[in-house]
Amino acid sequence: MTAIHVLDASALIAVIFREAGSDVVEPVLKRAAMSAVNLSEVAAKLIDRGYTIADAQASVQAFQLDVRPFDNGQALAAASLRATTRSRGLSLGDRACLALAESLNATVLTADRAWATYDRVDLIR
């Protein structure tokens, strides 16, 4: 079975803008998943950099990621992580990413060093 990776917004942003760490993310894109919450974060970052919503959508869709809905189960799983992630300042998007990885028995790829000590997390830089 091929390993599945869950991408944090920072991982996909690294690929889009060819930042450090993109070389770690690119080889796993075809088998990567992402929470819809993190997809929203990526689109917002693109809009912050001057993309239209249509351009942001096209940029993200080009990767053909397996975007998973943030449904009731994911919402509750992310909420359950609040107590253990609060001290590191992890956001709802961060917890959504971790919850998805847990549900898929997958590894998260992120550039966010605050996650470094969590199981299932690999830093891309």
C-alpha atoms as a PDB file:
ATOM      1  CA  MET A   1       0.000   0.000   0.000  1.00  0.00           C
ATOM      2  CA  THR A   2       1.282   3.433  -0.942  1.00  0.00           C
ATOM      3  CA  ALA A   3       1.734   5.819   1.948  1.00  0.00           C
ATOM      4  CA  ILE A   4      -0.758   8.650   2.164  1.00  0.00           C
ATOM      5  CA  HIS A   5       0.326  12.108   3.191  1.00  0.00           C
ATOM      6  CA  VAL A   6      -1.881  14.886   4.472  1.00  0.00           C
ATOM      7  CA  LEU A   7      -0.742  18.343   3.469  1.00  0.00           C
ATOM      8  CA  ASP A   8      -0.876  21.337   5.729  1.00  0.00           C
ATOM      9  CA  ALA A   9      -1.522  24.614   3.924  1.00  0.00           C
ATOM     10  CA  SER A  10       2.155  25.546   4.318  1.00  0.00           C
ATOM     11  CA  ALA A  11       3.226  22.461   2.374  1.00  0.00           C
ATOM     12  CA  LEU A  12       1.085  23.276  -0.661  1.00  0.00           C
ATOM     13  CA  ILE A  13       2.045  26.954  -0.480  1.00  0.00           C
ATOM     14  CA  ALA A  14       5.705  25.863  -0.597  1.00  0.00           C
ATOM     15  CA  VAL A  15       5.028  24.011  -3.853  1.00  0.00           C
ATOM     16  CA  ILE A  16       2.990  26.787  -5.435  1.00  0.00           C
ATOM     17  CA  PHE A  17       5.633  29.424  -4.738  1.00  0.00           C
ATOM     18  CA  ARG A  18       8.622  27.072  -5.145  1.00  0.00           C
ATOM     19  CA  GLU A  19       9.775  27.714  -1.607  1.00  0.00           C
ATOM     20  CA  ALA A  20      12.215  25.654   0.415  1.00  0.00           C
ATOM     21  CA  GLY A  21      10.699  22.245   1.142  1.00  0.00           C
ATOM     22  CA  SER A  22       8.758  22.013  -2.106  1.00  0.00           C
ATOM     23  CA  ASP A  23      11.135  19.233  -3.182  1.00  0.00           C
ATOM     24  CA  VAL A  24       9.861  17.149  -0.258  1.00  0.00           C
ATOM     25  CA  VAL A  25       6.186  17.736  -1.079  1.00  0.00           C
ATOM     26  CA  GLU A  26       6.177  17.392  -4.869  1.00  0.00           C
ATOM     27  CA  PRO A  27       6.877  13.629  -5.004  1.00  0.00           C
ATOM     28  CA  VAL A  28       3.835  12.833  -2.826  1.00  0.00           C
ATOM     29  CA  LEU A  29       1.266  15.165  -4.407  1.00  0.00           C
ATOM     30  CA  LYS A  30      -0.419  12.397  -6.417  1.00  0.00           C
ATOM     31  CA  ARG A  31      -1.279  10.504  -3.244  1.00  0.00           C
ATOM     32  CA  ALA A  32      -1.830  13.438  -0.904  1.00  0.00           C
ATOM     33  CA  ALA A  33      -4.983  14.481   0.867  1.00  0.00           C
ATOM     34  CA  MET A  34      -5.923  17.823   2.351  1.00  0.00           C
ATOM     35  CA  SER A  35      -8.684  19.016   4.615  1.00  0.00           C
ATOM     36  CA  ALA A  36     -11.123  21.479   3.064  1.00  0.00           C
ATOM     37  CA  VAL A  37     -10.163  23.807   5.932  1.00  0.00           C
ATOM     38  CA  ASN A  38      -6.528  23.798   4.778  1.00  0.00           C
ATOM     39  CA  LEU A  39      -7.595  24.258   1.171  1.00  0.00           C
ATOM     40  CA  SER A  40      -9.408  27.410   2.291  1.00  0.00           C
ATOM     41  CA  GLU A  41      -6.205  28.595   3.970  1.00  0.00           C
ATOM     42  CA  VAL A  42      -4.227  28.082   0.756  1.00  0.00           C
ATOM     43  CA  ALA A  43      -6.808  29.947  -1.327  1.00  0.00           C
ATOM     44  CA  ALA A  44      -6.819  32.814   1.185  1.00  0.00           C
ATOM     45  CA  LYS A  45      -3.005  33.065   1.030  1.00  0.00           C
ATOM     46  CA  LEU A  46      -3.150  33.182  -2.763  1.00  0.00           C
ATOM     47  CA  ILE A  47      -5.769  35.936  -2.637  1.00  0.00           C
ATOM     48  CA  ASP A  48      -3.554  37.823  -0.156  1.00  0.00           C
ATOM     49  CA  ARG A  49      -0.834  37.706  -2.816  1.00  0.00           C
ATOM     50  CA  GLY A  50      -3.070  39.189  -5.484  1.00  0.00           C
ATOM     51  CA  TYR A  51      -4.753  36.161  -7.042  1.00  0.00           C
ATOM     52  CA  THR A  52      -8.421  36.383  -7.951  1.00  0.00           C
ATOM     53  CA  ILE A  53     -10.620  33.687  -6.445  1.00  0.00           C
ATOM     54  CA  ALA A  54     -10.842  32.087  -9.897  1.00  0.00           C
ATOM     55  CA  ASP A  55      -7.047  32.039 -10.234  1.00  0.00           C
ATOM     56  CA  ALA A  56      -6.661  30.654  -6.718  1.00  0.00           C
ATOM     57  CA  GLN A  57      -9.186  27.918  -7.483  1.00  0.00           C
ATOM     58  CA  ALA A  58      -7.432  27.000 -10.739  1.00  0.00           C
ATOM     59  CA  SER A  59      -4.028  26.912  -9.037  1.00  0.00           C
ATOM     60  CA  VAL A  60      -5.205  24.562  -6.314  1.00  0.00           C
ATOM     61  CA  GLN A  61      -7.285  22.348  -8.621  1.00  0.00           C
ATOM     62  CA  ALA A  62      -4.264  21.809 -10.868  1.00  0.00           C
ATOM     63  CA  PHE A  63      -2.785  19.550  -8.173  1.00  0.00           C
ATOM     64  CA  GLN A  64      -5.839  17.244  -8.171  1.00  0.00           C
ATOM     65  CA  LEU A  65      -5.579  16.703  -4.434  1.00  0.00           C
ATOM     66  CA  ASP A  66      -7.927  14.466  -2.528  1.00  0.00           C
ATOM     67  CA  VAL A  67      -9.726  17.218  -0.616  1.00  0.00           C
ATOM     68  CA  ARG A  68     -11.618  15.818   2.358  1.00  0.00           C
ATOM     69  CA  PRO A  69     -14.684  17.519   3.816  1.00  0.00           C
ATOM     70  CA  PHE A  70     -14.594  18.998   7.287  1.00  0.00           C
ATOM     71  CA  ASP A  71     -17.657  17.118   8.457  1.00  0.00           C
ATOM     72  CA  ASN A  72     -19.068  16.438  11.930  1.00  0.00           C
ATOM     73  CA  GLY A  73     -16.551  13.690  12.633  1.00  0.00           C
ATOM     74  CA  GLN A  74     -13.587  15.804  11.580  1.00  0.00           C
ATOM     75  CA  ALA A  75     -14.922  18.792  13.508  1.00  0.00           C
ATOM     76  CA  LEU A  76     -15.169  16.782  16.724  1.00  0.00           C
ATOM     77  CA  ALA A  77     -11.776  15.151  16.179  1.00  0.00           C
ATOM     78  CA  ALA A  78     -10.186  18.579  15.683  1.00  0.00           C
ATOM     79  CA  ALA A  79     -11.930  19.880  18.797  1.00  0.00           C
ATOM     80  CA  SER A  80     -10.574  16.965  20.820  1.00  0.00           C
ATOM     81  CA  LEU A  81      -7.036  18.108  19.967  1.00  0.00           C
ATOM     82  CA  ARG A  82      -7.542  21.578  21.441  1.00  0.00           C
ATOM     83  CA  ALA A  83      -6.234  20.792  24.927  1.00  0.00           C
ATOM     84  CA  THR A  84      -3.071  19.055  23.722  1.00  0.00           C
ATOM     85  CA  THR A  85      -2.222  21.644  21.063  1.00  0.00           C
ATOM     86  CA  ARG A  86      -3.160  24.896  22.796  1.00  0.00           C
ATOM     87  CA  SER A  87       0.275  25.449  24.359  1.00  0.00           C
ATOM     88  CA  ARG A  88       1.870  25.475  20.908  1.00  0.00           C
ATOM     89  CA  GLY A  89      -0.692  27.846  19.455  1.00  0.00           C
ATOM     90  CA  LEU A  90      -2.098  25.475  16.838  1.00  0.00           C
ATOM     91  CA  SER A  91      -5.075  26.905  14.983  1.00  0.00           C
ATOM     92  CA  LEU A  92      -8.321  25.273  13.929  1.00  0.00           C
ATOM     93  CA  GLY A  93      -6.748  24.664  10.507  1.00  0.00           C
ATOM     94  CA  ASP A  94      -3.766  22.981  12.130  1.00  0.00           C
ATOM     95  CA  ARG A  95      -6.018  20.758  14.230  1.00  0.00           C
ATOM     96  CA  ALA A  96      -8.157  19.923  11.187  1.00  0.00           C
ATOM     97  CA  CYS A  97      -5.017  18.760   9.404  1.00  0.00           C
ATOM     98  CA  LEU A  98      -3.889  16.634  12.353  1.00  0.00           C
ATOM     99  CA  ALA A  99      -7.370  15.142  12.768  1.00  0.00           C
ATOM    100  CA  LEU A 100      -7.482  14.158   9.094  1.00  0.00           C
ATOM    101  CA  ALA A 101      -4.054  12.539   9.319  1.00  0.00           C
ATOM    102  CA  GLU A 102      -5.172  10.555  12.345  1.00  0.00           C
ATOM    103  CA  SER A 103      -8.319   9.351  10.582  1.00  0.00           C
ATOM    104  CA  LEU A 104      -6.322   8.256   7.509  1.00  0.00           C
ATOM    105  CA  ASN A 105      -3.394   6.815   9.475  1.00  0.00           C
ATOM    106  CA  ALA A 106      -1.267   9.223   7.450  1.00  0.00           C
ATOM    107  CA  THR A 107       1.724  11.501   7.911  1.00  0.00           C
ATOM    108  CA  VAL A 108       1.345  15.276   7.807  1.00  0.00           C
ATOM    109  CA  LEU A 109       3.756  17.389   5.784  1.00  0.00           C
ATOM    110  CA  THR A 110       4.135  20.922   7.136  1.00  0.00           C
ATOM    111  CA  ALA A 111       6.586  23.790   7.335  1.00  0.00           C
ATOM    112  CA  ASP A 112       5.280  24.759  10.774  1.00  0.00           C
ATOM    113  CA  ARG A 113       7.945  23.944  13.365  1.00  0.00           C
ATOM    114  CA  ALA A 114       5.415  24.174  16.218  1.00  0.00           C
ATOM    115  CA  TRP A 115       4.211  20.712  15.156  1.00  0.00           C
ATOM    116  CA  ALA A 116       7.650  19.064  15.237  1.00  0.00           C
ATOM    117  CA  THR A 117       7.067  16.908  18.305  1.00  0.00           C
ATOM    118  CA  TYR A 118       3.723  15.462  17.253  1.00  0.00           C
ATOM    119  CA  ASP A 119       3.409  11.923  15.970  1.00  0.00           C
ATOM    120  CA  ARG A 120       2.648  11.634  12.266  1.00  0.00           C
ATOM    121  CA  VAL A 121       4.299  14.956  11.409  1.00  0.00           C
ATOM    122  CA  ASP A 122       7.253  15.506   9.080  1.00  0.00           C
ATOM    123  CA  LEU A 123       8.717  18.961   8.596  1.00  0.00           C
ATOM    124  CA  ILE A 124       9.455  19.880   5.000  1.00  0.00           C
ATOM    125  CA  ARG A 125      12.255  22.292   5.938  1.00  0.00           C
END
